[in-house]
Each structure stands twice: as structure tokens, then as C-alpha cells.
Amino acid sequence: MNAQAQIHASALVIGEKGVLIRGASGAGKSALALAMIEAARGGASLFARLIGDDRVLLSRAGPHVVARPHPAIAGLIEKRGQGLASVKHEPGALLSCVIDLIAQGAHGADVPPRMPAAQDLIAIIESVELPRLMLPAGLASVDAARRALAFIAQLAR
């Protein structure tokens, strides 16, 4: 088995796509994961389930990256202001993309940029290139979930 790296992130499965959500503490990773799961199950009628929240284990499997929950907190997700909640979770999934929650730039600069450079559309995880979506940290969860689900749907094409 390959060595596993532990990162501060959330991971989930939407349809058949593994999604890694990164961002600073308090950026809204857990809220976005919950909103995406709810939106995918509701309007899109897709399978959607948490892999892990707060601490995610990543390992390389050939040309892919596998995300798994940290065993100490598997099946738990933070609901801000409510504490930890138990949810059904998947034991792991191959990552298909990365969503980065980006803090507002200095002097009100657009972050993420309105017209990102090509290199900003790729995340490198465990030496694997994955499509990347940048969203503003703290964006209302419903709006962010819609944008994220549209991005994931686009990957299938």
C-alpha cells in the first residue's frame, strides 16, 4: 500500500466523481460539502456522500489519487455552530477534481480571478494533475454548491 498523506480538507463523492475541497480553517469546506450533498441528492438526483471532513488521507494509486477519511473522525462532519454530526460516508474514492476556497485578496482584488490563467485551472495532488475550481471563501453555500455541481457535471463531458 502506498504511503498516505494527511491534509486539512473535506472530500466527497458526487455521482461517480471524487471531489476534494481545500481552504483555510473557517473558509466553508464543511458547509460546502453538506450543501453539495444536499443539492446533488435533491435537484440533480445524484448519489452524494461524504468521504471525510477536516482530515483526509490521500494516496497515489497508479495514475489516480485516492481520498479516504481519517479513521479517528470517519463519518463525522462539522456543522458550524452545532458541533459534530454523524453522517453516512464512503470509505474512499478516486479524486476527479479539486475545489479551492480562496480568501478575498488585498484591496478587494478579485479572488478567485475573473479570468484565471491556464495553470490556475489545474491542481497537482500527489503528482497527479486534476481539474480545479476556485470559489471565494465564505460564498453562500447554496450558490457555491450550484457552481461546484455545474463544474463537476462539465467534467463528465
N, C-alpha and C. Protein backbone atom coordinates (compact mmCIF):
# COMPACT_ATOMS: atom_id res chain seq x y z
N MET A 1 0.85 -1.19 0.00
CA MET A 1 0.00 0.00 0.00
C MET A 1 0.89 1.25 0.00
N ASN A 2 0.47 2.24 -0.74
CA ASN A 2 1.23 3.49 -0.81
C ASN A 2 1.11 4.27 0.49
N ALA A 3 2.10 5.08 0.76
CA ALA A 3 2.06 5.95 1.93
C ALA A 3 0.91 6.94 1.77
N GLN A 4 0.31 7.30 2.89
CA GLN A 4 -0.80 8.24 2.85
C GLN A 4 -0.36 9.58 3.42
N ALA A 5 -0.81 10.64 2.75
CA ALA A 5 -0.59 11.99 3.24
C ALA A 5 -1.88 12.47 3.87
N GLN A 6 -1.77 13.11 5.01
CA GLN A 6 -2.96 13.67 5.67
C GLN A 6 -3.02 15.15 5.38
N ILE A 7 -4.18 15.63 4.91
CA ILE A 7 -4.34 17.06 4.67
C ILE A 7 -5.59 17.58 5.35
N HIS A 8 -5.60 18.90 5.56
CA HIS A 8 -6.77 19.58 6.13
C HIS A 8 -7.69 19.91 4.95
N ALA A 9 -8.77 19.13 4.80
CA ALA A 9 -9.68 19.28 3.66
C ALA A 9 -10.95 18.49 3.94
N SER A 10 -11.89 18.59 3.02
CA SER A 10 -13.08 17.75 3.01
C SER A 10 -13.09 17.01 1.69
N ALA A 11 -13.67 15.83 1.67
CA ALA A 11 -13.78 15.07 0.43
C ALA A 11 -15.15 14.42 0.38
N LEU A 12 -15.69 14.31 -0.82
CA LEU A 12 -17.00 13.72 -1.01
C LEU A 12 -17.08 13.07 -2.38
N VAL A 13 -18.14 12.30 -2.57
CA VAL A 13 -18.42 11.68 -3.85
C VAL A 13 -19.72 12.29 -4.36
N ILE A 14 -19.69 12.73 -5.62
CA ILE A 14 -20.88 13.23 -6.30
C ILE A 14 -21.02 12.39 -7.57
N GLY A 15 -22.10 11.63 -7.68
CA GLY A 15 -22.23 10.71 -8.80
C GLY A 15 -21.09 9.72 -8.71
N GLU A 16 -20.23 9.70 -9.71
CA GLU A 16 -19.06 8.83 -9.71
C GLU A 16 -17.76 9.62 -9.55
N LYS A 17 -17.87 10.88 -9.18
CA LYS A 17 -16.70 11.77 -9.09
C LYS A 17 -16.28 12.01 -7.65
N GLY A 18 -15.01 11.78 -7.37
CA GLY A 18 -14.45 12.14 -6.08
C GLY A 18 -14.03 13.59 -6.11
N VAL A 19 -14.39 14.34 -5.07
CA VAL A 19 -14.14 15.78 -5.02
C VAL A 19 -13.37 16.11 -3.74
N LEU A 20 -12.28 16.85 -3.87
CA LEU A 20 -11.52 17.33 -2.73
C LEU A 20 -11.77 18.81 -2.58
N ILE A 21 -12.16 19.25 -1.39
CA ILE A 21 -12.40 20.67 -1.11
C ILE A 21 -11.31 21.15 -0.15
N ARG A 22 -10.52 22.13 -0.60
CA ARG A 22 -9.45 22.68 0.23
C ARG A 22 -9.76 24.14 0.57
N GLY A 23 -9.17 24.61 1.65
CA GLY A 23 -9.31 26.01 2.06
C GLY A 23 -8.83 26.18 3.47
N ALA A 24 -8.63 27.41 3.84
CA ALA A 24 -8.18 27.71 5.20
C ALA A 24 -9.26 27.34 6.21
N SER A 25 -8.86 27.24 7.45
CA SER A 25 -9.82 26.97 8.51
C SER A 25 -10.89 28.06 8.51
N GLY A 26 -12.15 27.66 8.55
CA GLY A 26 -13.25 28.62 8.54
C GLY A 26 -13.66 29.10 7.16
N ALA A 27 -13.05 28.58 6.10
CA ALA A 27 -13.37 29.02 4.73
C ALA A 27 -14.71 28.50 4.24
N GLY A 28 -15.23 27.45 4.88
CA GLY A 28 -16.52 26.91 4.48
C GLY A 28 -16.47 25.56 3.81
N LYS A 29 -15.40 24.79 4.04
CA LYS A 29 -15.27 23.48 3.40
C LYS A 29 -16.40 22.54 3.81
N SER A 30 -16.66 22.43 5.09
CA SER A 30 -17.71 21.52 5.57
C SER A 30 -19.08 21.98 5.10
N ALA A 31 -19.33 23.28 5.18
CA ALA A 31 -20.62 23.82 4.73
C ALA A 31 -20.83 23.57 3.25
N LEU A 32 -19.77 23.74 2.44
CA LEU A 32 -19.89 23.48 1.01
C LEU A 32 -20.13 22.00 0.76
N ALA A 33 -19.42 21.13 1.46
CA ALA A 33 -19.63 19.69 1.28
C ALA A 33 -21.07 19.31 1.58
N LEU A 34 -21.61 19.79 2.69
CA LEU A 34 -23.00 19.49 3.05
C LEU A 34 -23.99 20.05 2.02
N ALA A 35 -23.74 21.28 1.57
CA ALA A 35 -24.64 21.89 0.57
C ALA A 35 -24.57 21.15 -0.75
N MET A 36 -23.38 20.70 -1.15
CA MET A 36 -23.25 19.94 -2.40
C MET A 36 -23.98 18.60 -2.31
N ILE A 37 -23.85 17.93 -1.18
CA ILE A 37 -24.53 16.65 -0.99
C ILE A 37 -26.04 16.85 -1.08
N GLU A 38 -26.54 17.86 -0.40
CA GLU A 38 -27.98 18.13 -0.41
C GLU A 38 -28.46 18.50 -1.81
N ALA A 39 -27.74 19.37 -2.50
CA ALA A 39 -28.14 19.79 -3.84
C ALA A 39 -28.06 18.64 -4.84
N ALA A 40 -27.04 17.81 -4.73
CA ALA A 40 -26.89 16.69 -5.66
C ALA A 40 -28.00 15.67 -5.47
N ARG A 41 -28.33 15.39 -4.24
CA ARG A 41 -29.39 14.41 -3.96
C ARG A 41 -30.76 14.96 -4.34
N GLY A 42 -30.94 16.27 -4.13
CA GLY A 42 -32.24 16.89 -4.39
C GLY A 42 -32.50 17.10 -5.86
N GLY A 43 -32.08 18.25 -6.36
CA GLY A 43 -32.38 18.63 -7.73
C GLY A 43 -31.75 17.77 -8.79
N ALA A 44 -30.53 17.31 -8.57
CA ALA A 44 -29.81 16.55 -9.60
C ALA A 44 -30.04 15.05 -9.50
N SER A 45 -30.61 14.58 -8.40
CA SER A 45 -30.86 13.15 -8.17
C SER A 45 -29.61 12.29 -8.37
N LEU A 46 -28.50 12.76 -7.85
CA LEU A 46 -27.24 12.05 -7.95
C LEU A 46 -26.89 11.40 -6.61
N PHE A 47 -26.11 10.33 -6.68
CA PHE A 47 -25.53 9.77 -5.47
C PHE A 47 -24.58 10.82 -4.91
N ALA A 48 -24.63 11.06 -3.62
CA ALA A 48 -23.75 12.04 -2.99
C ALA A 48 -23.52 11.61 -1.55
N ARG A 49 -22.24 11.53 -1.19
CA ARG A 49 -21.93 11.12 0.17
C ARG A 49 -20.55 11.65 0.57
N LEU A 50 -20.41 11.94 1.83
CA LEU A 50 -19.15 12.39 2.40
C LEU A 50 -18.13 11.26 2.37
N ILE A 51 -16.89 11.60 2.12
CA ILE A 51 -15.77 10.68 2.35
C ILE A 51 -15.15 11.03 3.69
N GLY A 52 -14.74 12.30 3.84
CA GLY A 52 -14.13 12.73 5.09
C GLY A 52 -14.19 14.23 5.24
N ASP A 53 -14.15 14.67 6.48
CA ASP A 53 -14.18 16.11 6.77
C ASP A 53 -13.06 16.44 7.74
N ASP A 54 -12.45 17.57 7.52
CA ASP A 54 -11.40 18.14 8.35
C ASP A 54 -10.04 17.49 8.10
N ARG A 55 -9.96 16.18 8.19
CA ARG A 55 -8.70 15.47 7.91
C ARG A 55 -9.00 14.38 6.89
N VAL A 56 -8.31 14.45 5.78
CA VAL A 56 -8.50 13.48 4.69
C VAL A 56 -7.14 12.86 4.39
N LEU A 57 -7.16 11.56 4.15
CA LEU A 57 -5.94 10.83 3.79
C LEU A 57 -5.91 10.67 2.27
N LEU A 58 -4.77 11.00 1.68
CA LEU A 58 -4.59 10.89 0.23
C LEU A 58 -3.45 9.92 -0.06
N SER A 59 -3.65 9.09 -1.08
CA SER A 59 -2.59 8.19 -1.52
C SER A 59 -2.66 8.03 -3.02
N ARG A 60 -1.54 7.73 -3.60
CA ARG A 60 -1.44 7.54 -5.04
C ARG A 60 -1.77 6.09 -5.35
N ALA A 61 -2.58 5.87 -6.37
CA ALA A 61 -2.92 4.53 -6.86
C ALA A 61 -2.75 4.55 -8.37
N GLY A 62 -1.57 4.22 -8.84
CA GLY A 62 -1.27 4.31 -10.27
C GLY A 62 -1.39 5.76 -10.71
N PRO A 63 -2.19 6.01 -11.75
CA PRO A 63 -2.33 7.39 -12.24
C PRO A 63 -3.40 8.20 -11.49
N HIS A 64 -3.90 7.67 -10.39
CA HIS A 64 -5.00 8.29 -9.66
C HIS A 64 -4.59 8.65 -8.23
N VAL A 65 -5.43 9.48 -7.61
CA VAL A 65 -5.28 9.79 -6.19
C VAL A 65 -6.55 9.32 -5.49
N VAL A 66 -6.36 8.59 -4.41
CA VAL A 66 -7.48 8.08 -3.62
C VAL A 66 -7.62 8.93 -2.36
N ALA A 67 -8.85 9.35 -2.07
CA ALA A 67 -9.14 10.08 -0.83
C ALA A 67 -9.88 9.13 0.11
N ARG A 68 -9.44 9.14 1.36
CA ARG A 68 -10.08 8.31 2.39
C ARG A 68 -10.29 9.17 3.65
N PRO A 69 -11.26 8.77 4.48
CA PRO A 69 -11.44 9.51 5.73
C PRO A 69 -10.36 9.14 6.74
N HIS A 70 -10.06 10.06 7.63
CA HIS A 70 -9.16 9.73 8.74
C HIS A 70 -9.97 8.83 9.68
N PRO A 71 -9.43 7.68 10.08
CA PRO A 71 -10.21 6.74 10.89
C PRO A 71 -10.73 7.31 12.21
N ALA A 72 -10.02 8.26 12.79
CA ALA A 72 -10.46 8.82 14.07
C ALA A 72 -11.74 9.64 13.96
N ILE A 73 -12.03 10.16 12.74
CA ILE A 73 -13.21 11.02 12.59
C ILE A 73 -14.08 10.61 11.40
N ALA A 74 -13.92 9.37 10.94
CA ALA A 74 -14.72 8.89 9.81
C ALA A 74 -16.21 8.96 10.16
N GLY A 75 -16.99 9.49 9.23
CA GLY A 75 -18.43 9.60 9.44
C GLY A 75 -18.87 10.79 10.25
N LEU A 76 -17.94 11.71 10.54
CA LEU A 76 -18.29 12.93 11.28
C LEU A 76 -18.02 14.14 10.41
N ILE A 77 -18.89 15.14 10.52
CA ILE A 77 -18.69 16.40 9.81
C ILE A 77 -19.10 17.54 10.75
N GLU A 78 -18.38 18.64 10.63
CA GLU A 78 -18.68 19.80 11.47
C GLU A 78 -19.82 20.60 10.86
N LYS A 79 -20.82 20.87 11.68
CA LYS A 79 -21.88 21.80 11.31
C LYS A 79 -21.66 23.03 12.18
N ARG A 80 -21.17 24.09 11.54
CA ARG A 80 -20.76 25.28 12.28
C ARG A 80 -21.89 25.75 13.19
N GLY A 81 -21.53 25.97 14.45
CA GLY A 81 -22.49 26.43 15.45
C GLY A 81 -23.29 25.30 16.08
N GLN A 82 -23.16 24.08 15.53
CA GLN A 82 -23.90 22.94 16.06
C GLN A 82 -22.98 21.82 16.56
N GLY A 83 -21.73 21.84 16.14
CA GLY A 83 -20.79 20.80 16.54
C GLY A 83 -20.68 19.70 15.50
N LEU A 84 -20.22 18.54 15.93
CA LEU A 84 -20.03 17.42 15.02
C LEU A 84 -21.33 16.65 14.83
N ALA A 85 -21.56 16.21 13.60
CA ALA A 85 -22.74 15.41 13.28
C ALA A 85 -22.30 14.13 12.60
N SER A 86 -22.99 13.03 12.90
CA SER A 86 -22.71 11.76 12.24
C SER A 86 -23.45 11.71 10.92
N VAL A 87 -22.75 11.27 9.87
CA VAL A 87 -23.35 11.13 8.54
C VAL A 87 -22.83 9.84 7.91
N LYS A 88 -23.61 9.31 6.96
CA LYS A 88 -23.12 8.17 6.20
C LYS A 88 -21.92 8.64 5.39
N HIS A 89 -20.95 7.75 5.24
CA HIS A 89 -19.76 8.13 4.50
C HIS A 89 -19.25 6.96 3.67
N GLU A 90 -18.47 7.29 2.68
CA GLU A 90 -17.83 6.30 1.82
C GLU A 90 -16.42 6.04 2.35
N PRO A 91 -15.92 4.83 2.18
CA PRO A 91 -14.58 4.52 2.66
C PRO A 91 -13.47 5.12 1.81
N GLY A 92 -13.81 5.57 0.61
CA GLY A 92 -12.80 6.19 -0.25
C GLY A 92 -13.30 6.34 -1.66
N ALA A 93 -12.56 7.12 -2.45
CA ALA A 93 -12.91 7.33 -3.86
C ALA A 93 -11.70 7.88 -4.59
N LEU A 94 -11.67 7.63 -5.90
CA LEU A 94 -10.66 8.25 -6.76
C LEU A 94 -11.04 9.71 -6.96
N LEU A 95 -10.10 10.61 -6.79
CA LEU A 95 -10.39 12.03 -6.98
C LEU A 95 -10.50 12.37 -8.46
N SER A 96 -11.51 13.15 -8.78
CA SER A 96 -11.72 13.64 -10.15
C SER A 96 -11.42 15.12 -10.28
N CYS A 97 -11.49 15.86 -9.14
CA CYS A 97 -11.28 17.30 -9.20
C CYS A 97 -11.01 17.87 -7.82
N VAL A 98 -10.61 19.13 -7.82
CA VAL A 98 -10.31 19.87 -6.59
C VAL A 98 -11.09 21.17 -6.62
N ILE A 99 -11.68 21.52 -5.49
CA ILE A 99 -12.32 22.83 -5.33
C ILE A 99 -11.54 23.55 -4.24
N ASP A 100 -11.01 24.71 -4.58
CA ASP A 100 -10.27 25.52 -3.62
C ASP A 100 -11.09 26.73 -3.23
N LEU A 101 -11.27 26.91 -1.93
CA LEU A 101 -11.96 28.09 -1.40
C LEU A 101 -10.89 29.13 -1.10
N ILE A 102 -10.95 30.24 -1.82
CA ILE A 102 -9.91 31.25 -1.80
C ILE A 102 -10.40 32.49 -1.05
N ALA A 103 -9.56 32.98 -0.13
CA ALA A 103 -9.91 34.19 0.64
C ALA A 103 -9.83 35.42 -0.25
N GLN A 104 -10.60 36.45 0.09
CA GLN A 104 -10.60 37.71 -0.65
C GLN A 104 -9.21 38.31 -0.66
N GLY A 105 -8.79 38.80 -1.80
CA GLY A 105 -7.46 39.38 -1.95
C GLY A 105 -7.34 40.75 -1.30
N ALA A 106 -6.14 41.22 -1.23
CA ALA A 106 -5.87 42.54 -0.67
C ALA A 106 -6.54 43.63 -1.50
N HIS A 107 -7.03 44.64 -0.86
CA HIS A 107 -7.65 45.80 -1.52
C HIS A 107 -8.83 45.41 -2.40
N GLY A 108 -9.54 44.32 -2.03
CA GLY A 108 -10.74 43.94 -2.76
C GLY A 108 -10.47 43.32 -4.12
N ALA A 109 -9.25 42.84 -4.35
CA ALA A 109 -8.93 42.21 -5.64
C ALA A 109 -9.84 41.00 -5.85
N ASP A 110 -10.16 40.74 -7.11
CA ASP A 110 -10.99 39.58 -7.42
C ASP A 110 -10.25 38.30 -7.09
N VAL A 111 -10.77 37.55 -6.16
CA VAL A 111 -10.22 36.24 -5.82
C VAL A 111 -11.40 35.31 -5.67
N PRO A 112 -11.49 34.29 -6.43
CA PRO A 112 -10.56 33.93 -7.49
C PRO A 112 -10.63 34.92 -8.65
N PRO A 113 -9.60 34.90 -9.49
CA PRO A 113 -9.59 35.85 -10.62
C PRO A 113 -10.74 35.60 -11.58
N ARG A 114 -11.23 36.68 -12.18
CA ARG A 114 -12.34 36.54 -13.14
C ARG A 114 -11.93 35.72 -14.34
N MET A 115 -10.71 35.89 -14.78
CA MET A 115 -10.18 35.16 -15.93
C MET A 115 -8.90 34.44 -15.49
N PRO A 116 -9.05 33.25 -14.89
CA PRO A 116 -7.86 32.57 -14.38
C PRO A 116 -6.93 32.13 -15.50
N ALA A 117 -5.65 32.12 -15.19
CA ALA A 117 -4.65 31.61 -16.12
C ALA A 117 -4.79 30.09 -16.20
N ALA A 118 -4.31 29.51 -17.29
CA ALA A 118 -4.43 28.06 -17.50
C ALA A 118 -3.88 27.27 -16.31
N GLN A 119 -2.77 27.71 -15.75
CA GLN A 119 -2.18 26.97 -14.63
C GLN A 119 -3.04 27.04 -13.37
N ASP A 120 -3.93 28.02 -13.28
CA ASP A 120 -4.83 28.12 -12.13
C ASP A 120 -5.99 27.14 -12.22
N LEU A 121 -6.19 26.52 -13.37
CA LEU A 121 -7.30 25.60 -13.57
C LEU A 121 -6.91 24.15 -13.30
N ILE A 122 -5.67 23.96 -12.82
CA ILE A 122 -5.15 22.63 -12.52
C ILE A 122 -4.61 22.63 -11.10
N ALA A 123 -4.91 21.55 -10.37
CA ALA A 123 -4.31 21.33 -9.05
C ALA A 123 -3.44 20.09 -9.16
N ILE A 124 -2.30 20.11 -8.52
CA ILE A 124 -1.43 18.94 -8.53
C ILE A 124 -1.47 18.33 -7.13
N ILE A 125 -2.01 17.11 -7.08
CA ILE A 125 -2.17 16.38 -5.83
C ILE A 125 -1.41 15.06 -5.97
N GLU A 126 -0.45 14.82 -5.09
CA GLU A 126 0.34 13.59 -5.16
C GLU A 126 0.91 13.38 -6.57
N SER A 127 1.37 14.45 -7.19
CA SER A 127 1.96 14.45 -8.54
C SER A 127 0.97 14.14 -9.66
N VAL A 128 -0.31 14.23 -9.37
CA VAL A 128 -1.36 14.00 -10.37
C VAL A 128 -2.06 15.33 -10.64
N GLU A 129 -2.24 15.66 -11.91
CA GLU A 129 -2.96 16.88 -12.29
C GLU A 129 -4.46 16.61 -12.29
N LEU A 130 -5.20 17.48 -11.61
CA LEU A 130 -6.66 17.37 -11.53
C LEU A 130 -7.29 18.71 -11.88
N PRO A 131 -8.46 18.68 -12.53
CA PRO A 131 -9.17 19.94 -12.79
C PRO A 131 -9.46 20.65 -11.47
N ARG A 132 -9.37 21.99 -11.51
CA ARG A 132 -9.51 22.79 -10.29
C ARG A 132 -10.53 23.90 -10.51
N LEU A 133 -11.40 24.06 -9.54
CA LEU A 133 -12.35 25.17 -9.50
C LEU A 133 -12.00 26.02 -8.28
N MET A 134 -11.89 27.32 -8.49
CA MET A 134 -11.65 28.24 -7.38
C MET A 134 -12.95 28.99 -7.09
N LEU A 135 -13.32 29.00 -5.82
CA LEU A 135 -14.51 29.74 -5.38
C LEU A 135 -14.11 30.65 -4.23
N PRO A 136 -14.79 31.78 -4.10
CA PRO A 136 -14.49 32.66 -2.96
C PRO A 136 -14.85 31.98 -1.64
N ALA A 137 -13.97 32.05 -0.67
CA ALA A 137 -14.26 31.53 0.67
C ALA A 137 -15.45 32.30 1.22
N GLY A 138 -16.31 31.60 1.92
CA GLY A 138 -17.45 32.24 2.55
C GLY A 138 -18.61 32.52 1.61
N LEU A 139 -18.50 32.11 0.34
CA LEU A 139 -19.63 32.26 -0.58
C LEU A 139 -20.81 31.48 -0.03
N ALA A 140 -22.00 32.02 -0.12
CA ALA A 140 -23.18 31.32 0.38
C ALA A 140 -23.17 29.89 -0.13
N SER A 141 -23.38 28.94 0.76
CA SER A 141 -23.25 27.52 0.43
C SER A 141 -24.11 27.09 -0.75
N VAL A 142 -25.32 27.59 -0.86
CA VAL A 142 -26.20 27.19 -1.96
C VAL A 142 -25.63 27.65 -3.29
N ASP A 143 -25.16 28.90 -3.35
CA ASP A 143 -24.56 29.40 -4.59
C ASP A 143 -23.29 28.64 -4.94
N ALA A 144 -22.45 28.41 -3.94
CA ALA A 144 -21.21 27.68 -4.17
C ALA A 144 -21.50 26.25 -4.61
N ALA A 145 -22.49 25.61 -4.00
CA ALA A 145 -22.86 24.24 -4.37
C ALA A 145 -23.33 24.17 -5.82
N ARG A 146 -24.12 25.14 -6.24
CA ARG A 146 -24.58 25.15 -7.64
C ARG A 146 -23.41 25.28 -8.60
N ARG A 147 -22.49 26.18 -8.29
CA ARG A 147 -21.32 26.36 -9.16
C ARG A 147 -20.46 25.10 -9.18
N ALA A 148 -20.27 24.50 -8.01
CA ALA A 148 -19.45 23.29 -7.91
C ALA A 148 -20.09 22.13 -8.67
N LEU A 149 -21.39 21.95 -8.53
CA LEU A 149 -22.07 20.86 -9.25
C LEU A 149 -22.04 21.08 -10.75
N ALA A 150 -22.14 22.31 -11.20
CA ALA A 150 -22.04 22.60 -12.65
C ALA A 150 -20.63 22.26 -13.15
N PHE A 151 -19.62 22.56 -12.35
CA PHE A 151 -18.24 22.25 -12.69
C PHE A 151 -18.05 20.73 -12.79
N ILE A 152 -18.58 19.99 -11.85
CA ILE A 152 -18.46 18.53 -11.85
C ILE A 152 -19.20 17.93 -13.03
N ALA A 153 -20.38 18.45 -13.34
CA ALA A 153 -21.15 17.96 -14.49
C ALA A 153 -20.38 18.17 -15.78
N GLN A 154 -19.67 19.26 -15.86
CA GLN A 154 -18.87 19.58 -17.04
C GLN A 154 -17.71 18.58 -17.22
N LEU A 155 -17.22 18.01 -16.13
CA LEU A 155 -16.12 17.04 -16.20
C LEU A 155 -16.53 15.77 -16.93
N ALA A 156 -17.81 15.44 -16.85
CA ALA A 156 -18.29 14.21 -17.46
C ALA A 156 -18.30 14.28 -18.97
N ARG A 157 -18.22 15.47 -19.54
CA ARG A 157 -18.32 15.63 -20.98
C ARG A 157 -17.02 15.35 -21.67
